[in-house]
Amino acid sequence: MQDILAKLRYLPLSAQKVRLVVDLVRGKDAVEAQEILRFVHKRSAEPVRKLLASAVSNAEQNFGISRDDLYVASIFADEAPTRRWRRFGARGRFKPILRRTSHVTVILRERAN
């Protein structure tokens, strides 16, 4: 059984917010997962949908697997480097703003018929 892997690196959203969307499609058929993501009203839904579309295209082009036979075997969002932004508060204090990023990984597998 062939694993099809696609990664999205340095997505400028926190991993915690991306996980809310990623959890919706884990274990679903690839085509069904794309349709679910199309109608989710979260900012992270669009990049995750594009990543899933890329993984499906890789499976079709490189391995000759039909998109109807694929399912989302594993999908997860990990923390990526956090940029620390300077903000100065009252009395000369330093108030850091954390600009968080995330890495998203999707693994598709062919469903055994």
N, C-alpha and C. Protein backbone atom coordinates (compact mmCIF):
# COMPACT_ATOMS: atom_id res chain seq x y z
N MET A 1 0.85 -1.18 0.00
CA MET A 1 0.00 0.00 0.00
C MET A 1 0.90 1.24 0.00
N GLN A 2 0.60 2.16 -0.89
CA GLN A 2 1.43 3.35 -1.10
C GLN A 2 0.93 4.52 -0.26
N ASP A 3 1.82 5.20 0.45
CA ASP A 3 1.48 6.42 1.18
C ASP A 3 1.83 7.61 0.32
N ILE A 4 0.90 8.54 0.19
CA ILE A 4 1.13 9.78 -0.55
C ILE A 4 1.23 10.90 0.49
N LEU A 5 2.37 11.57 0.51
CA LEU A 5 2.66 12.57 1.53
C LEU A 5 2.73 13.96 0.90
N ALA A 6 2.12 14.92 1.55
CA ALA A 6 2.24 16.32 1.13
C ALA A 6 2.39 17.18 2.38
N LYS A 7 3.24 18.20 2.29
CA LYS A 7 3.50 19.06 3.44
C LYS A 7 3.27 20.52 3.08
N LEU A 8 2.76 21.24 4.04
CA LEU A 8 2.62 22.69 3.94
C LEU A 8 3.43 23.26 5.10
N ARG A 9 4.47 24.03 4.79
CA ARG A 9 5.37 24.51 5.83
C ARG A 9 5.22 26.02 6.01
N TYR A 10 5.41 26.45 7.23
CA TYR A 10 5.39 27.86 7.61
C TYR A 10 4.07 28.56 7.28
N LEU A 11 2.96 27.88 7.56
CA LEU A 11 1.64 28.50 7.41
C LEU A 11 1.49 29.55 8.51
N PRO A 12 1.18 30.80 8.15
CA PRO A 12 1.17 31.87 9.16
C PRO A 12 -0.09 31.87 10.04
N LEU A 13 -0.43 30.72 10.60
CA LEU A 13 -1.52 30.56 11.55
C LEU A 13 -1.04 29.64 12.66
N SER A 14 -1.58 29.78 13.84
CA SER A 14 -1.14 28.93 14.93
C SER A 14 -1.63 27.50 14.71
N ALA A 15 -0.85 26.55 15.19
CA ALA A 15 -1.19 25.14 15.02
C ALA A 15 -2.49 24.81 15.73
N GLN A 16 -2.77 25.48 16.83
CA GLN A 16 -4.00 25.24 17.57
C GLN A 16 -5.23 25.56 16.72
N LYS A 17 -5.17 26.64 15.94
CA LYS A 17 -6.30 27.02 15.08
C LYS A 17 -6.41 26.09 13.88
N VAL A 18 -5.28 25.65 13.35
CA VAL A 18 -5.29 24.75 12.19
C VAL A 18 -5.85 23.39 12.59
N ARG A 19 -5.55 22.94 13.81
CA ARG A 19 -6.02 21.63 14.27
C ARG A 19 -7.54 21.54 14.32
N LEU A 20 -8.22 22.65 14.54
CA LEU A 20 -9.68 22.66 14.55
C LEU A 20 -10.24 22.23 13.19
N VAL A 21 -9.58 22.65 12.12
CA VAL A 21 -10.02 22.32 10.76
C VAL A 21 -9.54 20.92 10.36
N VAL A 22 -8.31 20.60 10.73
CA VAL A 22 -7.69 19.33 10.35
C VAL A 22 -8.46 18.15 10.95
N ASP A 23 -8.98 18.33 12.17
CA ASP A 23 -9.71 17.25 12.84
C ASP A 23 -11.01 16.89 12.13
N LEU A 24 -11.54 17.82 11.33
CA LEU A 24 -12.80 17.57 10.62
C LEU A 24 -12.66 16.53 9.51
N VAL A 25 -11.47 16.44 8.89
CA VAL A 25 -11.32 15.62 7.69
C VAL A 25 -10.52 14.33 7.91
N ARG A 26 -10.00 14.11 9.10
CA ARG A 26 -9.18 12.91 9.35
C ARG A 26 -10.04 11.66 9.17
N GLY A 27 -9.55 10.72 8.34
CA GLY A 27 -10.24 9.46 8.11
C GLY A 27 -11.30 9.48 7.02
N LYS A 28 -11.58 10.65 6.46
CA LYS A 28 -12.60 10.77 5.42
C LYS A 28 -12.01 10.45 4.04
N ASP A 29 -12.89 10.18 3.07
CA ASP A 29 -12.45 10.04 1.68
C ASP A 29 -11.88 11.38 1.21
N ALA A 30 -10.92 11.33 0.30
CA ALA A 30 -10.23 12.55 -0.13
C ALA A 30 -11.18 13.53 -0.81
N VAL A 31 -12.07 13.04 -1.66
CA VAL A 31 -13.01 13.92 -2.36
C VAL A 31 -14.00 14.54 -1.38
N GLU A 32 -14.48 13.72 -0.43
CA GLU A 32 -15.42 14.21 0.58
C GLU A 32 -14.74 15.25 1.49
N ALA A 33 -13.48 15.02 1.83
CA ALA A 33 -12.73 15.96 2.67
C ALA A 33 -12.58 17.31 1.98
N GLN A 34 -12.33 17.30 0.67
CA GLN A 34 -12.21 18.56 -0.06
C GLN A 34 -13.52 19.33 -0.05
N GLU A 35 -14.63 18.62 -0.17
CA GLU A 35 -15.95 19.27 -0.14
C GLU A 35 -16.25 19.84 1.24
N ILE A 36 -15.88 19.12 2.28
CA ILE A 36 -16.09 19.62 3.65
C ILE A 36 -15.30 20.92 3.85
N LEU A 37 -14.03 20.91 3.42
CA LEU A 37 -13.18 22.08 3.62
C LEU A 37 -13.64 23.29 2.81
N ARG A 38 -14.31 23.03 1.70
CA ARG A 38 -14.78 24.13 0.86
C ARG A 38 -15.81 25.00 1.59
N PHE A 39 -16.56 24.41 2.54
CA PHE A 39 -17.65 25.13 3.20
C PHE A 39 -17.37 25.44 4.67
N VAL A 40 -16.16 25.22 5.13
CA VAL A 40 -15.80 25.55 6.51
C VAL A 40 -15.39 27.02 6.57
N HIS A 41 -15.97 27.76 7.52
CA HIS A 41 -15.69 29.19 7.64
C HIS A 41 -14.57 29.43 8.65
N LYS A 42 -13.39 28.97 8.32
CA LYS A 42 -12.19 29.23 9.11
C LYS A 42 -11.10 29.65 8.16
N ARG A 43 -10.19 30.50 8.63
CA ARG A 43 -9.13 31.00 7.76
C ARG A 43 -8.17 29.89 7.34
N SER A 44 -8.01 28.89 8.16
CA SER A 44 -7.07 27.81 7.85
C SER A 44 -7.67 26.77 6.90
N ALA A 45 -8.96 26.84 6.61
CA ALA A 45 -9.59 25.83 5.75
C ALA A 45 -9.07 25.90 4.31
N GLU A 46 -8.85 27.09 3.79
CA GLU A 46 -8.41 27.23 2.40
C GLU A 46 -7.00 26.67 2.16
N PRO A 47 -6.00 27.00 2.98
CA PRO A 47 -4.67 26.40 2.76
C PRO A 47 -4.67 24.88 2.94
N VAL A 48 -5.45 24.37 3.88
CA VAL A 48 -5.52 22.92 4.10
C VAL A 48 -6.19 22.25 2.90
N ARG A 49 -7.23 22.91 2.34
CA ARG A 49 -7.90 22.35 1.15
C ARG A 49 -6.95 22.29 -0.04
N LYS A 50 -6.14 23.34 -0.21
CA LYS A 50 -5.17 23.36 -1.30
C LYS A 50 -4.11 22.28 -1.11
N LEU A 51 -3.68 22.07 0.14
CA LEU A 51 -2.71 21.02 0.43
C LEU A 51 -3.28 19.65 0.09
N LEU A 52 -4.53 19.42 0.46
CA LEU A 52 -5.20 18.15 0.17
C LEU A 52 -5.35 17.95 -1.34
N ALA A 53 -5.69 19.01 -2.06
CA ALA A 53 -5.80 18.93 -3.52
C ALA A 53 -4.45 18.60 -4.15
N SER A 54 -3.39 19.16 -3.60
CA SER A 54 -2.05 18.88 -4.09
C SER A 54 -1.68 17.42 -3.87
N ALA A 55 -2.01 16.88 -2.71
CA ALA A 55 -1.72 15.48 -2.41
C ALA A 55 -2.50 14.54 -3.34
N VAL A 56 -3.75 14.88 -3.62
CA VAL A 56 -4.56 14.07 -4.54
C VAL A 56 -3.97 14.11 -5.94
N SER A 57 -3.55 15.30 -6.39
CA SER A 57 -2.93 15.43 -7.71
C SER A 57 -1.63 14.65 -7.80
N ASN A 58 -0.84 14.68 -6.72
CA ASN A 58 0.40 13.89 -6.69
C ASN A 58 0.11 12.41 -6.84
N ALA A 59 -0.94 11.93 -6.19
CA ALA A 59 -1.30 10.51 -6.25
C ALA A 59 -1.71 10.13 -7.67
N GLU A 60 -2.49 10.99 -8.31
CA GLU A 60 -2.95 10.70 -9.67
C GLU A 60 -1.80 10.77 -10.67
N GLN A 61 -1.00 11.80 -10.57
CA GLN A 61 0.05 12.04 -11.56
C GLN A 61 1.23 11.09 -11.39
N ASN A 62 1.70 10.92 -10.16
CA ASN A 62 2.93 10.17 -9.93
C ASN A 62 2.73 8.68 -9.73
N PHE A 63 1.56 8.30 -9.19
CA PHE A 63 1.35 6.90 -8.87
C PHE A 63 0.19 6.26 -9.63
N GLY A 64 -0.58 7.05 -10.37
CA GLY A 64 -1.68 6.52 -11.17
C GLY A 64 -2.84 5.99 -10.35
N ILE A 65 -3.06 6.56 -9.17
CA ILE A 65 -4.15 6.12 -8.30
C ILE A 65 -5.34 7.04 -8.52
N SER A 66 -6.54 6.46 -8.62
CA SER A 66 -7.75 7.25 -8.81
C SER A 66 -8.09 8.01 -7.54
N ARG A 67 -8.60 9.24 -7.71
CA ARG A 67 -8.93 10.06 -6.54
C ARG A 67 -10.09 9.48 -5.73
N ASP A 68 -10.92 8.65 -6.36
CA ASP A 68 -12.05 8.05 -5.65
C ASP A 68 -11.61 6.94 -4.69
N ASP A 69 -10.40 6.40 -4.88
CA ASP A 69 -9.90 5.32 -4.03
C ASP A 69 -9.08 5.83 -2.85
N LEU A 70 -8.86 7.15 -2.75
CA LEU A 70 -7.99 7.70 -1.72
C LEU A 70 -8.78 8.12 -0.49
N TYR A 71 -8.13 8.00 0.67
CA TYR A 71 -8.69 8.53 1.90
C TYR A 71 -7.59 9.17 2.73
N VAL A 72 -7.98 10.05 3.64
CA VAL A 72 -7.03 10.77 4.48
C VAL A 72 -6.64 9.84 5.64
N ALA A 73 -5.49 9.19 5.51
CA ALA A 73 -5.04 8.26 6.54
C ALA A 73 -4.56 9.00 7.77
N SER A 74 -3.85 10.11 7.55
CA SER A 74 -3.32 10.89 8.66
C SER A 74 -3.17 12.33 8.23
N ILE A 75 -3.52 13.23 9.11
CA ILE A 75 -3.32 14.66 8.85
C ILE A 75 -3.09 15.33 10.20
N PHE A 76 -2.06 16.14 10.28
CA PHE A 76 -1.74 16.78 11.56
C PHE A 76 -1.07 18.12 11.33
N ALA A 77 -1.16 18.96 12.35
CA ALA A 77 -0.55 20.29 12.32
C ALA A 77 0.42 20.40 13.49
N ASP A 78 1.67 20.70 13.20
CA ASP A 78 2.70 20.87 14.21
C ASP A 78 3.09 22.34 14.31
N GLU A 79 3.67 22.70 15.45
CA GLU A 79 4.14 24.07 15.62
C GLU A 79 5.40 24.30 14.80
N ALA A 80 5.49 25.47 14.22
CA ALA A 80 6.67 25.90 13.47
C ALA A 80 7.31 27.05 14.27
N PRO A 81 8.40 27.62 13.77
CA PRO A 81 9.03 28.70 14.53
C PRO A 81 8.09 29.88 14.78
N THR A 82 8.24 30.47 15.95
CA THR A 82 7.43 31.62 16.34
C THR A 82 8.27 32.87 16.24
N ARG A 83 7.75 33.88 15.51
CA ARG A 83 8.45 35.16 15.43
C ARG A 83 8.02 36.00 16.62
N ARG A 84 8.99 36.61 17.27
CA ARG A 84 8.69 37.49 18.40
C ARG A 84 8.72 38.94 17.91
N TRP A 85 7.61 39.62 18.07
CA TRP A 85 7.44 40.98 17.60
C TRP A 85 7.57 41.93 18.78
N ARG A 86 8.20 43.09 18.56
CA ARG A 86 8.41 44.04 19.66
C ARG A 86 7.19 44.95 19.83
N ARG A 87 6.78 45.09 21.05
CA ARG A 87 5.74 46.06 21.39
C ARG A 87 6.14 46.66 22.73
N PHE A 88 6.15 47.96 22.82
CA PHE A 88 6.59 48.60 24.05
C PHE A 88 5.39 49.10 24.82
N GLY A 89 5.37 48.76 26.10
CA GLY A 89 4.26 49.14 26.95
C GLY A 89 4.60 50.35 27.80
N ALA A 90 3.77 50.60 28.78
CA ALA A 90 3.95 51.75 29.67
C ALA A 90 5.22 51.57 30.50
N ARG A 91 5.81 52.68 30.88
CA ARG A 91 7.00 52.73 31.74
C ARG A 91 8.17 51.95 31.15
N GLY A 92 8.29 51.95 29.84
CA GLY A 92 9.44 51.34 29.18
C GLY A 92 9.46 49.83 29.21
N ARG A 93 8.33 49.22 29.45
CA ARG A 93 8.28 47.76 29.51
C ARG A 93 8.18 47.17 28.10
N PHE A 94 8.59 45.92 27.99
CA PHE A 94 8.59 45.22 26.71
C PHE A 94 7.43 44.24 26.69
N LYS A 95 6.54 44.37 25.72
CA LYS A 95 5.39 43.48 25.60
C LYS A 95 5.52 42.69 24.29
N PRO A 96 6.01 41.44 24.34
CA PRO A 96 6.20 40.69 23.09
C PRO A 96 4.88 40.22 22.49
N ILE A 97 4.81 40.26 21.18
CA ILE A 97 3.69 39.66 20.45
C ILE A 97 4.26 38.44 19.74
N LEU A 98 3.62 37.31 19.90
CA LEU A 98 4.10 36.06 19.31
C LEU A 98 3.36 35.81 18.01
N ARG A 99 4.08 35.81 16.91
CA ARG A 99 3.49 35.49 15.61
C ARG A 99 3.75 34.01 15.34
N ARG A 100 2.76 33.20 15.57
CA ARG A 100 2.94 31.76 15.49
C ARG A 100 2.73 31.25 14.06
N THR A 101 3.47 30.20 13.70
CA THR A 101 3.32 29.55 12.40
C THR A 101 3.18 28.05 12.63
N SER A 102 2.79 27.32 11.58
CA SER A 102 2.59 25.88 11.73
C SER A 102 2.99 25.14 10.46
N HIS A 103 3.28 23.86 10.64
CA HIS A 103 3.55 22.94 9.54
C HIS A 103 2.40 21.94 9.50
N VAL A 104 1.79 21.75 8.32
CA VAL A 104 0.69 20.81 8.17
C VAL A 104 1.16 19.67 7.27
N THR A 105 0.88 18.44 7.67
CA THR A 105 1.26 17.26 6.90
C THR A 105 0.02 16.41 6.67
N VAL A 106 -0.15 15.96 5.42
CA VAL A 106 -1.26 15.06 5.09
C VAL A 106 -0.69 13.80 4.45
N ILE A 107 -1.24 12.65 4.85
CA ILE A 107 -0.85 11.36 4.30
C ILE A 107 -2.11 10.69 3.77
N LEU A 108 -2.12 10.44 2.46
CA LEU A 108 -3.24 9.76 1.81
C LEU A 108 -2.86 8.30 1.56
N ARG A 109 -3.86 7.43 1.63
CA ARG A 109 -3.66 6.02 1.29
C ARG A 109 -4.77 5.56 0.36
N GLU A 110 -4.44 4.51 -0.38
CA GLU A 110 -5.42 3.92 -1.28
C GLU A 110 -6.29 2.96 -0.46
N ARG A 111 -7.60 3.09 -0.63
CA ARG A 111 -8.53 2.23 0.12
C ARG A 111 -8.48 0.82 -0.45
N ALA A 112 -8.34 -0.18 0.42
CA ALA A 112 -8.29 -1.57 -0.03
C ALA A 112 -9.70 -2.02 -0.38
N ASN A 113 -9.89 -2.44 -1.62
CA ASN A 113 -11.22 -2.87 -2.08
C ASN A 113 -11.39 -4.35 -1.97
